């Protein structure tokens, strides 16, 4: 399962989510720093952390996932990802 996390340096919510996601062995996590591209910054500056599931790697088709609670456990994140990873496109 491939995920994209939009983040920025100093974002504690982003860092916490990234730390939990990195504990899940079944995912390939790409971190995108919104400060490196103006279009990402404009889109997500007030929304980060923003998490997407890569539905089709060849076409870069992304599915926006709901933002998990900062209190969510690693197990709860795994359950959420399983739910969305098995959904039809």
C-alpha atoms as a PDB file:
ATOM      1  CA  UNK A   1       0.000   0.000   0.000  1.00  0.00           C
ATOM      2  CA  UNK A   2       1.413   3.367  -1.029  1.00  0.00           C
ATOM      3  CA  UNK A   3       0.634   6.532   0.914  1.00  0.00           C
ATOM      4  CA  UNK A   4       1.507  10.189   0.402  1.00  0.00           C
ATOM      5  CA  UNK A   5       1.715  12.477   3.436  1.00  0.00           C
ATOM      6  CA  UNK A   6       1.774  16.233   2.865  1.00  0.00           C
ATOM      7  CA  UNK A   7       3.719  17.813   5.694  1.00  0.00           C
ATOM      8  CA  UNK A   8       6.111  20.631   6.569  1.00  0.00           C
ATOM      9  CA  UNK A   9       9.003  21.085   8.976  1.00  0.00           C
ATOM     10  CA  UNK A  10       7.919  21.930  12.513  1.00  0.00           C
ATOM     11  CA  UNK A  11       4.406  20.485  12.138  1.00  0.00           C
ATOM     12  CA  UNK A  12       3.986  18.399  15.279  1.00  0.00           C
ATOM     13  CA  UNK A  13       0.761  16.766  14.061  1.00  0.00           C
ATOM     14  CA  UNK A  14       2.547  15.772  10.852  1.00  0.00           C
ATOM     15  CA  UNK A  15       5.531  14.377  12.721  1.00  0.00           C
ATOM     16  CA  UNK A  16       3.301  12.368  15.058  1.00  0.00           C
ATOM     17  CA  UNK A  17       1.330  10.862  12.185  1.00  0.00           C
ATOM     18  CA  UNK A  18       4.500  10.105  10.229  1.00  0.00           C
ATOM     19  CA  UNK A  19       6.025   8.349  13.240  1.00  0.00           C
ATOM     20  CA  UNK A  20       2.964   6.115  13.601  1.00  0.00           C
ATOM     21  CA  UNK A  21       2.723   5.369   9.877  1.00  0.00           C
ATOM     22  CA  UNK A  22       6.386   4.365   9.767  1.00  0.00           C
ATOM     23  CA  UNK A  23       5.604   1.637  12.317  1.00  0.00           C
ATOM     24  CA  UNK A  24       3.249  -0.056   9.845  1.00  0.00           C
ATOM     25  CA  UNK A  25       5.372  -2.408   7.766  1.00  0.00           C
ATOM     26  CA  UNK A  26       2.843  -2.955   4.973  1.00  0.00           C
ATOM     27  CA  UNK A  27       3.011   0.608   3.633  1.00  0.00           C
ATOM     28  CA  UNK A  28       5.324   2.604   1.410  1.00  0.00           C
ATOM     29  CA  UNK A  29       5.211   6.178   2.717  1.00  0.00           C
ATOM     30  CA  UNK A  30       6.187   9.212   0.633  1.00  0.00           C
ATOM     31  CA  UNK A  31       6.553  12.491   2.521  1.00  0.00           C
ATOM     32  CA  UNK A  32       5.909  15.654   0.505  1.00  0.00           C
ATOM     33  CA  UNK A  33       7.130  18.882   2.088  1.00  0.00           C
ATOM     34  CA  UNK A  34       4.602  21.562   1.135  1.00  0.00           C
ATOM     35  CA  UNK A  35       7.237  24.282   1.497  1.00  0.00           C
ATOM     36  CA  UNK A  36       9.075  22.939  -1.564  1.00  0.00           C
ATOM     37  CA  UNK A  37       6.295  23.645  -4.068  1.00  0.00           C
ATOM     38  CA  UNK A  38       4.018  26.655  -4.198  1.00  0.00           C
ATOM     39  CA  UNK A  39       1.013  24.660  -5.475  1.00  0.00           C
ATOM     40  CA  UNK A  40       1.263  22.226  -2.546  1.00  0.00           C
ATOM     41  CA  UNK A  41       1.664  25.092  -0.093  1.00  0.00           C
ATOM     42  CA  UNK A  42      -1.385  26.924  -1.435  1.00  0.00           C
ATOM     43  CA  UNK A  43      -3.482  23.755  -1.365  1.00  0.00           C
ATOM     44  CA  UNK A  44      -2.495  22.398   2.048  1.00  0.00           C
ATOM     45  CA  UNK A  45      -1.028  25.166   4.213  1.00  0.00           C
ATOM     46  CA  UNK A  46      -4.046  25.159   6.553  1.00  0.00           C
ATOM     47  CA  UNK A  47      -4.876  21.467   6.237  1.00  0.00           C
ATOM     48  CA  UNK A  48      -1.698  19.506   7.041  1.00  0.00           C
ATOM     49  CA  UNK A  49      -1.204  16.737   7.781  1.00  0.00           C
ATOM     50  CA  UNK A  50      -2.961  15.542   4.620  1.00  0.00           C
ATOM     51  CA  UNK A  51      -2.863  11.849   3.779  1.00  0.00           C
ATOM     52  CA  UNK A  52      -3.557  10.205   0.419  1.00  0.00           C
ATOM     53  CA  UNK A  53      -3.738   6.595  -0.694  1.00  0.00           C
ATOM     54  CA  UNK A  54      -2.108   5.955  -4.073  1.00  0.00           C
ATOM     55  CA  UNK A  55      -4.794   4.045  -5.971  1.00  0.00           C
ATOM     56  CA  UNK A  56      -2.862   3.594  -9.223  1.00  0.00           C
ATOM     57  CA  UNK A  57       0.869   4.265  -9.258  1.00  0.00           C
ATOM     58  CA  UNK A  58       1.045   4.468 -13.067  1.00  0.00           C
ATOM     59  CA  UNK A  59      -1.450   7.334 -13.237  1.00  0.00           C
ATOM     60  CA  UNK A  60      -0.644   8.869  -9.835  1.00  0.00           C
ATOM     61  CA  UNK A  61      -4.318   8.504  -8.909  1.00  0.00           C
ATOM     62  CA  UNK A  62      -4.742   9.592  -5.282  1.00  0.00           C
ATOM     63  CA  UNK A  63      -7.589   9.035  -2.828  1.00  0.00           C
ATOM     64  CA  UNK A  64      -7.814  11.563   0.008  1.00  0.00           C
ATOM     65  CA  UNK A  65      -8.092   9.876   3.388  1.00  0.00           C
ATOM     66  CA  UNK A  66      -9.750  11.419   6.434  1.00  0.00           C
ATOM     67  CA  UNK A  67      -7.313  12.964   8.886  1.00  0.00           C
ATOM     68  CA  UNK A  68      -6.824  10.584  11.791  1.00  0.00           C
ATOM     69  CA  UNK A  69      -7.053  11.869  15.337  1.00  0.00           C
ATOM     70  CA  UNK A  70      -3.674  12.700  16.895  1.00  0.00           C
ATOM     71  CA  UNK A  71      -4.705  10.240  19.617  1.00  0.00           C
ATOM     72  CA  UNK A  72      -5.199   7.374  17.159  1.00  0.00           C
ATOM     73  CA  UNK A  73      -3.052   4.356  17.880  1.00  0.00           C
ATOM     74  CA  UNK A  74      -0.954   2.544  15.300  1.00  0.00           C
ATOM     75  CA  UNK A  75      -3.543  -0.258  15.343  1.00  0.00           C
ATOM     76  CA  UNK A  76      -6.386   2.210  14.671  1.00  0.00           C
ATOM     77  CA  UNK A  77      -4.428   3.648  11.740  1.00  0.00           C
ATOM     78  CA  UNK A  78      -3.907   0.131  10.369  1.00  0.00           C
ATOM     79  CA  UNK A  79      -7.656  -0.531  10.579  1.00  0.00           C
ATOM     80  CA  UNK A  80      -8.486   2.724   8.783  1.00  0.00           C
ATOM     81  CA  UNK A  81      -5.951   2.004   6.047  1.00  0.00           C
ATOM     82  CA  UNK A  82      -7.281  -1.524   5.567  1.00  0.00           C
ATOM     83  CA  UNK A  83     -10.787  -0.137   5.164  1.00  0.00           C
ATOM     84  CA  UNK A  84      -9.763   2.356   2.472  1.00  0.00           C
ATOM     85  CA  UNK A  85      -7.217   0.081   0.830  1.00  0.00           C
ATOM     86  CA  UNK A  86      -9.875  -2.539   0.144  1.00  0.00           C
ATOM     87  CA  UNK A  87     -12.501  -0.107  -1.150  1.00  0.00           C
ATOM     88  CA  UNK A  88     -13.311  -0.074  -4.848  1.00  0.00           C
ATOM     89  CA  UNK A  89     -11.882   2.887  -6.810  1.00  0.00           C
END
